[in-house]
C-alpha atoms as a PDB file:
ATOM      1  CA  MET A   1      42.198  17.220 -41.251  1.00  0.00           C
ATOM      2  CA  ALA A   2      42.181  13.442 -41.408  1.00  0.00           C
ATOM      3  CA  ARG A   3      42.918  11.412 -38.320  1.00  0.00           C
ATOM      4  CA  ASN A   4      45.704   8.926 -38.471  1.00  0.00           C
ATOM      5  CA  ILE A   5      45.226   5.207 -37.866  1.00  0.00           C
ATOM      6  CA  ASP A   6      47.023   5.241 -34.497  1.00  0.00           C
ATOM      7  CA  ASP A   7      44.586   7.854 -33.107  1.00  0.00           C
ATOM      8  CA  ILE A   8      41.605   5.869 -34.349  1.00  0.00           C
ATOM      9  CA  GLN A   9      42.953   2.649 -32.835  1.00  0.00           C
ATOM     10  CA  ARG A  10      43.565   4.388 -29.472  1.00  0.00           C
ATOM     11  CA  ASP A  11      39.995   5.725 -29.545  1.00  0.00           C
ATOM     12  CA  ILE A  12      38.666   2.251 -30.313  1.00  0.00           C
ATOM     13  CA  GLU A  13      40.676   0.699 -27.456  1.00  0.00           C
ATOM     14  CA  ARG A  14      39.566   3.419 -25.024  1.00  0.00           C
ATOM     15  CA  THR A  15      35.957   2.883 -26.041  1.00  0.00           C
ATOM     16  CA  ARG A  16      36.331  -0.895 -25.605  1.00  0.00           C
ATOM     17  CA  ARG A  17      37.752  -0.419 -22.095  1.00  0.00           C
ATOM     18  CA  GLN A  18      34.924   1.932 -21.177  1.00  0.00           C
ATOM     19  CA  LEU A  19      32.362  -0.512 -22.549  1.00  0.00           C
ATOM     20  CA  ALA A  20      33.989  -3.420 -20.691  1.00  0.00           C
ATOM     21  CA  GLY A  21      33.915  -1.388 -17.469  1.00  0.00           C
ATOM     22  CA  THR A  22      30.262  -0.542 -18.000  1.00  0.00           C
ATOM     23  CA  LEU A  23      29.384  -4.186 -18.661  1.00  0.00           C
ATOM     24  CA  ASP A  24      31.274  -5.272 -15.530  1.00  0.00           C
ATOM     25  CA  GLU A  25      29.404  -2.699 -13.484  1.00  0.00           C
ATOM     26  CA  LEU A  26      26.043  -3.845 -14.900  1.00  0.00           C
ATOM     27  CA  ALA A  27      26.911  -7.478 -14.180  1.00  0.00           C
ATOM     28  CA  ASP A  28      27.851  -6.573 -10.605  1.00  0.00           C
ATOM     29  CA  ARG A  29      24.662  -4.568 -10.058  1.00  0.00           C
ATOM     30  CA  SER A  30      22.454  -7.363 -11.397  1.00  0.00           C
ATOM     31  CA  LYS A  31      23.783 -10.063  -9.040  1.00  0.00           C
ATOM     32  CA  PRO A  32      20.936 -11.298  -6.818  1.00  0.00           C
ATOM     33  CA  GLN A  33      22.820 -10.680  -3.575  1.00  0.00           C
ATOM     34  CA  ASN A  34      23.499  -7.093  -4.636  1.00  0.00           C
ATOM     35  CA  LEU A  35      19.853  -6.570  -5.595  1.00  0.00           C
ATOM     36  CA  VAL A  36      18.788  -7.910  -2.185  1.00  0.00           C
ATOM     37  CA  GLY A  37      21.276  -5.666  -0.443  1.00  0.00           C
ATOM     38  CA  ASP A  38      20.012  -2.641  -2.356  1.00  0.00           C
ATOM     39  CA  ALA A  39      16.415  -3.544  -1.483  1.00  0.00           C
ATOM     40  CA  LYS A  40      17.299  -3.915   2.210  1.00  0.00           C
ATOM     41  CA  THR A  41      19.035  -0.553   2.212  1.00  0.00           C
ATOM     42  CA  ALA A  42      16.086   1.107   0.500  1.00  0.00           C
ATOM     43  CA  ALA A  43      13.634  -0.453   2.968  1.00  0.00           C
ATOM     44  CA  ALA A  44      15.738   0.581   5.953  1.00  0.00           C
ATOM     45  CA  ASN A  45      15.952   4.127   4.620  1.00  0.00           C
ATOM     46  CA  LYS A  46      12.196   4.202   4.072  1.00  0.00           C
ATOM     47  CA  LEU A  47      11.549   2.968   7.617  1.00  0.00           C
ATOM     48  CA  GLN A  48      13.661   5.819   8.979  1.00  0.00           C
ATOM     49  CA  GLN A  49      11.188   8.380   7.615  1.00  0.00           C
ATOM     50  CA  ARG A  50       8.985   9.842  10.341  1.00  0.00           C
ATOM     51  CA  ASN A  51       5.730   9.752   8.348  1.00  0.00           C
ATOM     52  CA  VAL A  52       6.254   6.052   7.511  1.00  0.00           C
ATOM     53  CA  GLN A  53       6.803   5.314  11.202  1.00  0.00           C
ATOM     54  CA  TYR A  54       3.533   7.088  12.035  1.00  0.00           C
ATOM     55  CA  VAL A  55       1.645   5.054   9.452  1.00  0.00           C
ATOM     56  CA  ILE A  56       3.116   1.794  10.738  1.00  0.00           C
ATOM     57  CA  ALA A  57       2.270   2.755  14.318  1.00  0.00           C
ATOM     58  CA  GLY A  58      -1.301   3.623  13.317  1.00  0.00           C
ATOM     59  CA  VAL A  59      -1.822   0.393  11.419  1.00  0.00           C
ATOM     60  CA  SER A  60      -0.337  -1.571  14.315  1.00  0.00           C
ATOM     61  CA  ALA A  61      -2.674   0.116  16.775  1.00  0.00           C
ATOM     62  CA  VAL A  62      -5.692  -0.688  14.620  1.00  0.00           C
ATOM     63  CA  VAL A  63      -4.659  -4.339  14.252  1.00  0.00           C
ATOM     64  CA  ILE A  64      -4.078  -4.689  18.005  1.00  0.00           C
ATOM     65  CA  GLY A  65      -7.430  -3.053  18.673  1.00  0.00           C
ATOM     66  CA  LEU A  66      -9.220  -5.420  16.303  1.00  0.00           C
ATOM     67  CA  ILE A  67      -7.549  -8.427  17.907  1.00  0.00           C
ATOM     68  CA  ALA A  68      -8.530  -7.214  21.376  1.00  0.00           C
ATOM     69  CA  LEU A  69     -12.099  -6.639  20.200  1.00  0.00           C
ATOM     70  CA  GLY A  70     -12.242 -10.132  18.704  1.00  0.00           C
ATOM     71  CA  VAL A  71     -10.931 -11.728  21.890  1.00  0.00           C
ATOM     72  CA  THR A  72     -13.384  -9.753  24.011  1.00  0.00           C
ATOM     73  CA  ARG A  73     -16.342 -10.707  21.799  1.00  0.00           C
ATOM     74  CA  SER A  74     -15.261 -14.334  21.758  1.00  0.00           C
ATOM     75  CA  ARG A  75     -15.066 -14.441  25.549  1.00  0.00           C
ATOM     76  CA  ARG A  76     -18.440 -12.739  25.851  1.00  0.00           C
ATOM     77  CA  ARG A  77     -20.018 -15.265  23.471  1.00  0.00           C
ATOM     78  CA  SER A  78     -18.408 -18.111  25.378  1.00  0.00           C
ATOM     79  CA  SER A  79     -19.705 -16.687  28.650  1.00  0.00           C
ATOM     80  CA  ASP A  80     -23.202 -16.241  27.166  1.00  0.00           C
ATOM     81  CA  LEU A  81     -23.208 -19.818  25.870  1.00  0.00           C
ATOM     82  CA  LYS A  82     -22.171 -21.156  29.269  1.00  0.00           C
ATOM     83  CA  GLU A  83     -24.932 -19.134  30.902  1.00  0.00           C
ATOM     84  CA  LEU A  84     -27.484 -20.503  28.433  1.00  0.00           C
ATOM     85  CA  GLN A  85     -26.272 -24.055  29.059  1.00  0.00           C
ATOM     86  CA  ARG A  86     -26.541 -23.496  32.799  1.00  0.00           C
ATOM     87  CA  LEU A  87     -30.078 -22.116  32.479  1.00  0.00           C
ATOM     88  CA  LEU A  88     -31.143 -25.017  30.256  1.00  0.00           C
ATOM     89  CA  ALA A  89     -29.592 -27.512  32.653  1.00  0.00           C
ATOM     90  CA  GLU A  90     -31.490 -25.958  35.583  1.00  0.00           C
ATOM     91  CA  ARG A  91     -34.716 -26.078  33.598  1.00  0.00           C
ATOM     92  CA  ASN A  92     -34.520 -29.839  33.037  1.00  0.00           C
END
């Protein structure tokens, strides 16, 4: 059974509207502010995961420990240098 022209034209118009809606949605999704918002939401959701929080806490503890170690070693070196300077000054 052949379709009449009116049915074909309605199908074409419906398809055009659907395509226009899809293009509008793609344009909206690809706006930079929307991409940033999606990225922020994804990052916030990721940070809510317990295992990610544990990893961040572990890395933070290691970094703080390394900084404390560096400060301690620096102070010790400074103290040793001052002691050497004092000993050399007494020797002269």
